[in-house]
């Protein structure tokens, strides 16, 4: 992925937490496009950062608390409020 990033500096690759479909998947978008809500701070994690964290410490995400934001209309927020 690092090679992809250096070859394509105009590409943004990220994943969500909480995942929108409750499994890990990556989003690939142009940095020139308007970011969607899911690509904004609070939900998106750059794939390059995730890989670096795992390379640095293999249990990084077992030890890390991931915080995230939800919009008022997000289905998960409705469930959590119940």
PDB file of N, CA and C in Angstrom:
ATOM      1  N   UNK A   1       0.810  -1.187   0.000  1.00  0.00           N
ATOM      2  CA  UNK A   1       0.000   0.000   0.000  1.00  0.00           C
ATOM      3  C   UNK A   1       0.860   1.262   0.000  1.00  0.00           C
ATOM      4  N   UNK A   2       2.007   1.194   0.619  1.00  0.00           N
ATOM      5  CA  UNK A   2       2.851   2.372   0.630  1.00  0.00           C
ATOM      6  C   UNK A   2       3.280   2.716  -0.803  1.00  0.00           C
ATOM      7  N   UNK A   3       3.565   1.691  -1.600  1.00  0.00           N
ATOM      8  CA  UNK A   3       3.938   1.935  -2.986  1.00  0.00           C
ATOM      9  C   UNK A   3       2.769   2.558  -3.742  1.00  0.00           C
ATOM     10  N   UNK A   4       1.569   2.063  -3.510  1.00  0.00           N
ATOM     11  CA  UNK A   4       0.401   2.634  -4.161  1.00  0.00           C
ATOM     12  C   UNK A   4       0.266   4.108  -3.806  1.00  0.00           C
ATOM     13  N   UNK A   5       0.455   4.425  -2.537  1.00  0.00           N
ATOM     14  CA  UNK A   5       0.320   5.815  -2.105  1.00  0.00           C
ATOM     15  C   UNK A   5       1.357   6.693  -2.796  1.00  0.00           C
ATOM     16  N   UNK A   6       2.582   6.230  -2.898  1.00  0.00           N
ATOM     17  CA  UNK A   6       3.615   7.053  -3.518  1.00  0.00           C
ATOM     18  C   UNK A   6       3.407   7.164  -5.028  1.00  0.00           C
ATOM     19  N   UNK A   7       2.832   6.124  -5.641  1.00  0.00           N
ATOM     20  CA  UNK A   7       2.554   6.167  -7.073  1.00  0.00           C
ATOM     21  C   UNK A   7       1.310   6.994  -7.392  1.00  0.00           C
ATOM     22  N   UNK A   8       0.394   7.086  -6.442  1.00  0.00           N
ATOM     23  CA  UNK A   8      -0.881   7.780  -6.651  1.00  0.00           C
ATOM     24  C   UNK A   8      -1.142   8.750  -5.503  1.00  0.00           C
ATOM     25  N   UNK A   9      -0.435   9.858  -5.455  1.00  0.00           N
ATOM     26  CA  UNK A   9      -0.598  10.771  -4.320  1.00  0.00           C
ATOM     27  C   UNK A   9      -1.978  11.432  -4.253  1.00  0.00           C
ATOM     28  N   UNK A  10      -2.748  11.352  -5.336  1.00  0.00           N
ATOM     29  CA  UNK A  10      -4.078  11.964  -5.354  1.00  0.00           C
ATOM     30  C   UNK A  10      -5.166  11.002  -4.907  1.00  0.00           C
ATOM     31  N   UNK A  11      -4.768   9.840  -4.396  1.00  0.00           N
ATOM     32  CA  UNK A  11      -5.721   8.825  -3.960  1.00  0.00           C
ATOM     33  C   UNK A  11      -5.715   8.745  -2.440  1.00  0.00           C
ATOM     34  N   UNK A  12      -6.899   8.695  -1.867  1.00  0.00           N
ATOM     35  CA  UNK A  12      -7.072   8.554  -0.429  1.00  0.00           C
ATOM     36  C   UNK A  12      -7.687   7.182  -0.172  1.00  0.00           C
ATOM     37  N   UNK A  13      -7.029   6.370   0.646  1.00  0.00           N
ATOM     38  CA  UNK A  13      -7.531   5.034   0.990  1.00  0.00           C
ATOM     39  C   UNK A  13      -7.773   5.009   2.484  1.00  0.00           C
ATOM     40  N   UNK A  14      -9.001   4.680   2.870  1.00  0.00           N
ATOM     41  CA  UNK A  14      -9.336   4.696   4.283  1.00  0.00           C
ATOM     42  C   UNK A  14     -10.348   3.604   4.594  1.00  0.00           C
ATOM     43  N   UNK A  15     -10.491   3.314   5.872  1.00  0.00           N
ATOM     44  CA  UNK A  15     -11.525   2.405   6.340  1.00  0.00           C
ATOM     45  C   UNK A  15     -12.246   3.063   7.493  1.00  0.00           C
ATOM     46  N   UNK A  16     -13.386   2.526   7.840  1.00  0.00           N
ATOM     47  CA  UNK A  16     -14.210   3.103   8.901  1.00  0.00           C
ATOM     48  C   UNK A  16     -14.122   2.290  10.174  1.00  0.00           C
ATOM     49  N   UNK A  17     -14.330   2.968  11.272  1.00  0.00           N
ATOM     50  CA  UNK A  17     -14.656   2.323  12.525  1.00  0.00           C
ATOM     51  C   UNK A  17     -15.666   3.230  13.201  1.00  0.00           C
ATOM     52  N   UNK A  18     -16.740   2.765  13.484  1.00  0.00           N
ATOM     53  CA  UNK A  18     -17.428   1.503  13.285  1.00  0.00           C
ATOM     54  C   UNK A  18     -17.613   1.267  11.795  1.00  0.00           C
ATOM     55  N   UNK A  19     -17.331   0.059  11.348  1.00  0.00           N
ATOM     56  CA  UNK A  19     -17.528  -0.227   9.923  1.00  0.00           C
ATOM     57  C   UNK A  19     -19.005  -0.115   9.563  1.00  0.00           C
ATOM     58  N   UNK A  20     -19.280   0.457   8.431  1.00  0.00           N
ATOM     59  CA  UNK A  20     -20.675   0.653   8.032  1.00  0.00           C
ATOM     60  C   UNK A  20     -21.388  -0.670   7.777  1.00  0.00           C
ATOM     61  N   UNK A  21     -20.658  -1.696   7.425  1.00  0.00           N
ATOM     62  CA  UNK A  21     -21.279  -3.006   7.207  1.00  0.00           C
ATOM     63  C   UNK A  21     -20.731  -4.071   8.150  1.00  0.00           C
ATOM     64  N   UNK A  22     -20.071  -3.635   9.224  1.00  0.00           N
ATOM     65  CA  UNK A  22     -19.572  -4.506  10.287  1.00  0.00           C
ATOM     66  C   UNK A  22     -18.590  -5.553   9.790  1.00  0.00           C
ATOM     67  N   UNK A  23     -17.886  -5.227   8.742  1.00  0.00           N
ATOM     68  CA  UNK A  23     -16.698  -5.962   8.333  1.00  0.00           C
ATOM     69  C   UNK A  23     -15.751  -4.934   7.713  1.00  0.00           C
ATOM     70  N   UNK A  24     -14.485  -5.223   7.781  1.00  0.00           N
ATOM     71  CA  UNK A  24     -13.492  -4.264   7.300  1.00  0.00           C
ATOM     72  C   UNK A  24     -13.527  -4.215   5.778  1.00  0.00           C
ATOM     73  N   UNK A  25     -13.564  -3.027   5.264  1.00  0.00           N
ATOM     74  CA  UNK A  25     -13.456  -2.798   3.836  1.00  0.00           C
ATOM     75  C   UNK A  25     -12.832  -1.424   3.630  1.00  0.00           C
ATOM     76  N   UNK A  26     -12.155  -1.257   2.529  1.00  0.00           N
ATOM     77  CA  UNK A  26     -11.472   0.003   2.242  1.00  0.00           C
ATOM     78  C   UNK A  26     -12.261   0.822   1.239  1.00  0.00           C
ATOM     79  N   UNK A  27     -12.142   2.126   1.391  1.00  0.00           N
ATOM     80  CA  UNK A  27     -12.706   3.068   0.431  1.00  0.00           C
ATOM     81  C   UNK A  27     -11.534   3.724  -0.286  1.00  0.00           C
ATOM     82  N   UNK A  28     -11.672   3.887  -1.576  1.00  0.00           N
ATOM     83  CA  UNK A  28     -10.649   4.547  -2.381  1.00  0.00           C
ATOM     84  C   UNK A  28     -11.323   5.741  -3.047  1.00  0.00           C
ATOM     85  N   UNK A  29     -10.766   6.905  -2.829  1.00  0.00           N
ATOM     86  CA  UNK A  29     -11.365   8.118  -3.388  1.00  0.00           C
ATOM     87  C   UNK A  29     -10.273   9.097  -3.802  1.00  0.00           C
ATOM     88  N   UNK A  30     -10.636  10.043  -4.594  1.00  0.00           N
ATOM     89  CA  UNK A  30      -9.711  11.080  -5.019  1.00  0.00           C
ATOM     90  C   UNK A  30      -9.644  12.160  -3.945  1.00  0.00           C
ATOM     91  N   UNK A  31      -8.459  12.654  -3.658  1.00  0.00           N
ATOM     92  CA  UNK A  31      -8.334  13.731  -2.682  1.00  0.00           C
ATOM     93  C   UNK A  31      -8.947  15.021  -3.218  1.00  0.00           C
ATOM     94  N   UNK A  32      -9.131  15.108  -4.525  1.00  0.00           N
ATOM     95  CA  UNK A  32      -9.713  16.304  -5.131  1.00  0.00           C
ATOM     96  C   UNK A  32     -11.231  16.346  -4.986  1.00  0.00           C
ATOM     97  N   UNK A  33     -11.844  15.202  -4.728  1.00  0.00           N
ATOM     98  CA  UNK A  33     -13.296  15.179  -4.597  1.00  0.00           C
ATOM     99  C   UNK A  33     -13.706  15.709  -3.230  1.00  0.00           C
ATOM    100  N   UNK A  34     -14.926  16.137  -3.116  1.00  0.00           N
ATOM    101  CA  UNK A  34     -15.440  16.559  -1.815  1.00  0.00           C
ATOM    102  C   UNK A  34     -15.559  15.336  -0.931  1.00  0.00           C
ATOM    103  N   UNK A  35     -15.007  15.373   0.275  1.00  0.00           N
ATOM    104  CA  UNK A  35     -15.083  14.192   1.139  1.00  0.00           C
ATOM    105  C   UNK A  35     -16.517  13.924   1.583  1.00  0.00           C
ATOM    106  N   UNK A  36     -16.867  12.655   1.651  1.00  0.00           N
ATOM    107  CA  UNK A  36     -18.167  12.277   2.172  1.00  0.00           C
ATOM    108  C   UNK A  36     -18.098  12.308   3.688  1.00  0.00           C
ATOM    109  N   UNK A  37     -19.238  12.238   4.346  1.00  0.00           N
ATOM    110  CA  UNK A  37     -19.260  12.242   5.807  1.00  0.00           C
ATOM    111  C   UNK A  37     -18.371  11.139   6.361  1.00  0.00           C
ATOM    112  N   UNK A  38     -18.415   9.948   5.766  1.00  0.00           N
ATOM    113  CA  UNK A  38     -17.630   8.826   6.270  1.00  0.00           C
ATOM    114  C   UNK A  38     -16.137   8.995   6.141  1.00  0.00           C
ATOM    115  N   UNK A  39     -15.700   9.910   5.276  1.00  0.00           N
ATOM    116  CA  UNK A  39     -14.262  10.132   5.104  1.00  0.00           C
ATOM    117  C   UNK A  39     -13.729  11.186   6.064  1.00  0.00           C
ATOM    118  N   UNK A  40     -14.600  11.784   6.824  1.00  0.00           N
ATOM    119  CA  UNK A  40     -14.184  12.857   7.716  1.00  0.00           C
ATOM    120  C   UNK A  40     -13.621  12.307   9.029  1.00  0.00           C
ATOM    121  N   UNK A  41     -12.969  13.182   9.750  1.00  0.00           N
ATOM    122  CA  UNK A  41     -12.391  12.820  11.042  1.00  0.00           C
ATOM    123  C   UNK A  41     -13.487  12.287  11.958  1.00  0.00           C
ATOM    124  N   UNK A  42     -13.180  11.239  12.693  1.00  0.00           N
ATOM    125  CA  UNK A  42     -14.137  10.677  13.632  1.00  0.00           C
ATOM    126  C   UNK A  42     -14.656   9.326  13.203  1.00  0.00           C
ATOM    127  N   UNK A  43     -14.533   9.011  11.930  1.00  0.00           N
ATOM    128  CA  UNK A  43     -14.943   7.699  11.451  1.00  0.00           C
ATOM    129  C   UNK A  43     -13.875   7.045  10.579  1.00  0.00           C
ATOM    130  N   UNK A  44     -13.154   7.848   9.837  1.00  0.00           N
ATOM    131  CA  UNK A  44     -12.203   7.306   8.871  1.00  0.00           C
ATOM    132  C   UNK A  44     -10.814   7.149   9.475  1.00  0.00           C
ATOM    133  N   UNK A  45     -10.152   6.074   9.091  1.00  0.00           N
ATOM    134  CA  UNK A  45      -8.770   5.815   9.485  1.00  0.00           C
ATOM    135  C   UNK A  45      -7.995   5.524   8.209  1.00  0.00           C
ATOM    136  N   UNK A  46      -6.954   6.291   7.964  1.00  0.00           N
ATOM    137  CA  UNK A  46      -6.169   6.087   6.756  1.00  0.00           C
ATOM    138  C   UNK A  46      -5.527   4.708   6.777  1.00  0.00           C
ATOM    139  N   UNK A  47      -5.647   4.006   5.671  1.00  0.00           N
ATOM    140  CA  UNK A  47      -5.101   2.652   5.591  1.00  0.00           C
ATOM    141  C   UNK A  47      -3.607   2.646   5.867  1.00  0.00           C
ATOM    142  N   UNK A  48      -2.902   3.637   5.368  1.00  0.00           N
ATOM    143  CA  UNK A  48      -1.456   3.715   5.590  1.00  0.00           C
ATOM    144  C   UNK A  48      -1.137   3.796   7.087  1.00  0.00           C
ATOM    145  N   UNK A  49      -1.928   4.556   7.846  1.00  0.00           N
ATOM    146  CA  UNK A  49      -1.723   4.655   9.294  1.00  0.00           C
ATOM    147  C   UNK A  49      -2.026   3.333   9.987  1.00  0.00           C
ATOM    148  N   UNK A  50      -3.096   2.672   9.576  1.00  0.00           N
ATOM    149  CA  UNK A  50      -3.461   1.377  10.166  1.00  0.00           C
ATOM    150  C   UNK A  50      -2.341   0.364   9.957  1.00  0.00           C
ATOM    151  N   UNK A  51      -1.828   0.299   8.736  1.00  0.00           N
ATOM    152  CA  UNK A  51      -0.742  -0.648   8.446  1.00  0.00           C
ATOM    153  C   UNK A  51       0.509  -0.319   9.255  1.00  0.00           C
ATOM    154  N   UNK A  52       0.834   0.947   9.367  1.00  0.00           N
ATOM    155  CA  UNK A  52       2.009   1.352  10.147  1.00  0.00           C
ATOM    156  C   UNK A  52       1.832   0.994  11.622  1.00  0.00           C
ATOM    157  N   UNK A  53       0.640   1.208  12.158  1.00  0.00           N
ATOM    158  CA  UNK A  53       0.379   0.856  13.551  1.00  0.00           C
ATOM    159  C   UNK A  53       0.574  -0.638  13.793  1.00  0.00           C
ATOM    160  N   UNK A  54       0.089  -1.456  12.886  1.00  0.00           N
ATOM    161  CA  UNK A  54       0.227  -2.907  13.021  1.00  0.00           C
ATOM    162  C   UNK A  54       1.678  -3.329  12.859  1.00  0.00           C
ATOM    163  N   UNK A  55       2.389  -2.709  11.917  1.00  0.00           N
ATOM    164  CA  UNK A  55       3.810  -3.026  11.735  1.00  0.00           C
ATOM    165  C   UNK A  55       4.624  -2.640  12.969  1.00  0.00           C
ATOM    166  N   UNK A  56       4.284  -1.541  13.587  1.00  0.00           N
ATOM    167  CA  UNK A  56       4.998  -1.060  14.768  1.00  0.00           C
ATOM    168  C   UNK A  56       4.726  -1.945  15.974  1.00  0.00           C
ATOM    169  N   UNK A  57       3.470  -2.334  16.129  1.00  0.00           N
ATOM    170  CA  UNK A  57       3.072  -3.166  17.264  1.00  0.00           C
ATOM    171  C   UNK A  57       1.918  -4.047  16.797  1.00  0.00           C
ATOM    172  N   UNK A  58       2.162  -5.333  16.667  1.00  0.00           N
ATOM    173  CA  UNK A  58       1.167  -6.238  16.083  1.00  0.00           C
ATOM    174  C   UNK A  58      -0.148  -6.283  16.867  1.00  0.00           C
ATOM    175  N   UNK A  59      -0.109  -5.991  18.154  1.00  0.00           N
ATOM    176  CA  UNK A  59      -1.342  -6.005  18.946  1.00  0.00           C
ATOM    177  C   UNK A  59      -1.893  -4.588  19.176  1.00  0.00           C
ATOM    178  N   UNK A  60      -1.492  -3.668  18.348  1.00  0.00           N
ATOM    179  CA  UNK A  60      -1.891  -2.267  18.510  1.00  0.00           C
ATOM    180  C   UNK A  60      -3.403  -2.123  18.685  1.00  0.00           C
ATOM    181  N   UNK A  61      -4.180  -2.751  17.827  1.00  0.00           N
ATOM    182  CA  UNK A  61      -5.630  -2.572  17.869  1.00  0.00           C
ATOM    183  C   UNK A  61      -6.308  -3.430  18.932  1.00  0.00           C
ATOM    184  N   UNK A  62      -5.583  -4.341  19.519  1.00  0.00           N
ATOM    185  CA  UNK A  62      -6.114  -5.060  20.681  1.00  0.00           C
ATOM    186  C   UNK A  62      -5.996  -4.190  21.934  1.00  0.00           C
ATOM    187  N   UNK A  63      -5.036  -3.291  21.934  1.00  0.00           N
ATOM    188  CA  UNK A  63      -4.792  -2.423  23.091  1.00  0.00           C
ATOM    189  C   UNK A  63      -5.446  -1.046  22.947  1.00  0.00           C
ATOM    190  N   UNK A  64      -5.745  -0.644  21.746  1.00  0.00           N
ATOM    191  CA  UNK A  64      -6.213   0.711  21.451  1.00  0.00           C
ATOM    192  C   UNK A  64      -7.740   0.812  21.573  1.00  0.00           C
ATOM    193  N   UNK A  65      -8.202   1.870  22.195  1.00  0.00           N
ATOM    194  CA  UNK A  65      -9.617   2.206  22.194  1.00  0.00           C
ATOM    195  C   UNK A  65      -9.868   3.125  21.011  1.00  0.00           C
ATOM    196  N   UNK A  66     -10.722   2.703  20.111  1.00  0.00           N
ATOM    197  CA  UNK A  66     -11.054   3.529  18.956  1.00  0.00           C
ATOM    198  C   UNK A  66     -12.348   4.282  19.237  1.00  0.00           C
ATOM    199  N   UNK A  67     -12.265   5.569  19.161  1.00  0.00           N
ATOM    200  CA  UNK A  67     -13.445   6.411  19.355  1.00  0.00           C
ATOM    201  C   UNK A  67     -13.958   6.837  17.984  1.00  0.00           C
ATOM    202  N   UNK A  68     -15.243   7.074  17.902  1.00  0.00           N
ATOM    203  CA  UNK A  68     -15.817   7.469  16.620  1.00  0.00           C
ATOM    204  C   UNK A  68     -17.019   8.366  16.859  1.00  0.00           C
ATOM    205  N   UNK A  69     -17.386   9.095  15.841  1.00  0.00           N
ATOM    206  CA  UNK A  69     -18.541   9.971  15.924  1.00  0.00           C
ATOM    207  C   UNK A  69     -19.665   9.415  15.071  1.00  0.00           C
ATOM    208  N   UNK A  70     -20.875   9.719  15.481  1.00  0.00           N
ATOM    209  CA  UNK A  70     -22.055   9.315  14.726  1.00  0.00           C
ATOM    210  C   UNK A  70     -22.954  10.527  14.549  1.00  0.00           C
ATOM    211  N   UNK A  71     -23.514  10.669  13.377  1.00  0.00           N
ATOM    212  CA  UNK A  71     -24.480  11.737  13.139  1.00  0.00           C
ATOM    213  C   UNK A  71     -25.803  11.409  13.825  1.00  0.00           C
ATOM    214  N   UNK A  72     -26.595  12.426  14.052  1.00  0.00           N
ATOM    215  CA  UNK A  72     -27.873  12.257  14.752  1.00  0.00           C
ATOM    216  C   UNK A  72     -28.796  11.253  14.064  1.00  0.00           C
ATOM    217  N   UNK A  73     -28.684  11.112  12.761  1.00  0.00           N
ATOM    218  CA  UNK A  73     -29.571  10.217  12.012  1.00  0.00           C
ATOM    219  C   UNK A  73     -28.967   8.829  11.780  1.00  0.00           C
ATOM    220  N   UNK A  74     -27.781   8.568  12.298  1.00  0.00           N
ATOM    221  CA  UNK A  74     -27.112   7.283  12.080  1.00  0.00           C
ATOM    222  C   UNK A  74     -27.891   6.163  12.774  1.00  0.00           C
ATOM    223  N   UNK A  75     -28.123   5.064  12.059  1.00  0.00           N
ATOM    224  CA  UNK A  75     -28.882   3.941  12.613  1.00  0.00           C
ATOM    225  C   UNK A  75     -28.254   3.383  13.890  1.00  0.00           C
ATOM    226  N   UNK A  76     -26.924   3.313  13.950  1.00  0.00           N
ATOM    227  CA  UNK A  76     -26.257   2.781  15.127  1.00  0.00           C
ATOM    228  C   UNK A  76     -26.515   3.653  16.356  1.00  0.00           C
ATOM    229  N   UNK A  77     -26.546   4.964  16.172  1.00  0.00           N
ATOM    230  CA  UNK A  77     -26.812   5.868  17.291  1.00  0.00           C
ATOM    231  C   UNK A  77     -28.210   5.593  17.863  1.00  0.00           C
ATOM    232  N   UNK A  78     -29.160   5.359  16.983  1.00  0.00           N
ATOM    233  CA  UNK A  78     -30.526   5.048  17.440  1.00  0.00           C
ATOM    234  C   UNK A  78     -30.535   3.780  18.296  1.00  0.00           C
ATOM    235  N   UNK A  79     -29.783   2.783  17.875  1.00  0.00           N
ATOM    236  CA  UNK A  79     -29.717   1.521  18.644  1.00  0.00           C
ATOM    237  C   UNK A  79     -29.031   1.746  19.988  1.00  0.00           C
ATOM    238  N   UNK A  80     -27.949   2.504  19.994  1.00  0.00           N
ATOM    239  CA  UNK A  80     -27.206   2.749  21.238  1.00  0.00           C
ATOM    240  C   UNK A  80     -28.017   3.557  22.246  1.00  0.00           C
ATOM    241  N   UNK A  81     -28.907   4.404  21.766  1.00  0.00           N
ATOM    242  CA  UNK A  81     -29.732   5.217  22.658  1.00  0.00           C
ATOM    243  C   UNK A  81     -30.865   4.409  23.309  1.00  0.00           C
ATOM    244  N   UNK A  82     -31.204   3.268  22.719  1.00  0.00           N
ATOM    245  CA  UNK A  82     -32.301   2.446  23.251  1.00  0.00           C
ATOM    246  C   UNK A  82     -31.927   1.801  24.567  1.00  0.00           C
TER     247      UNK A  82
END
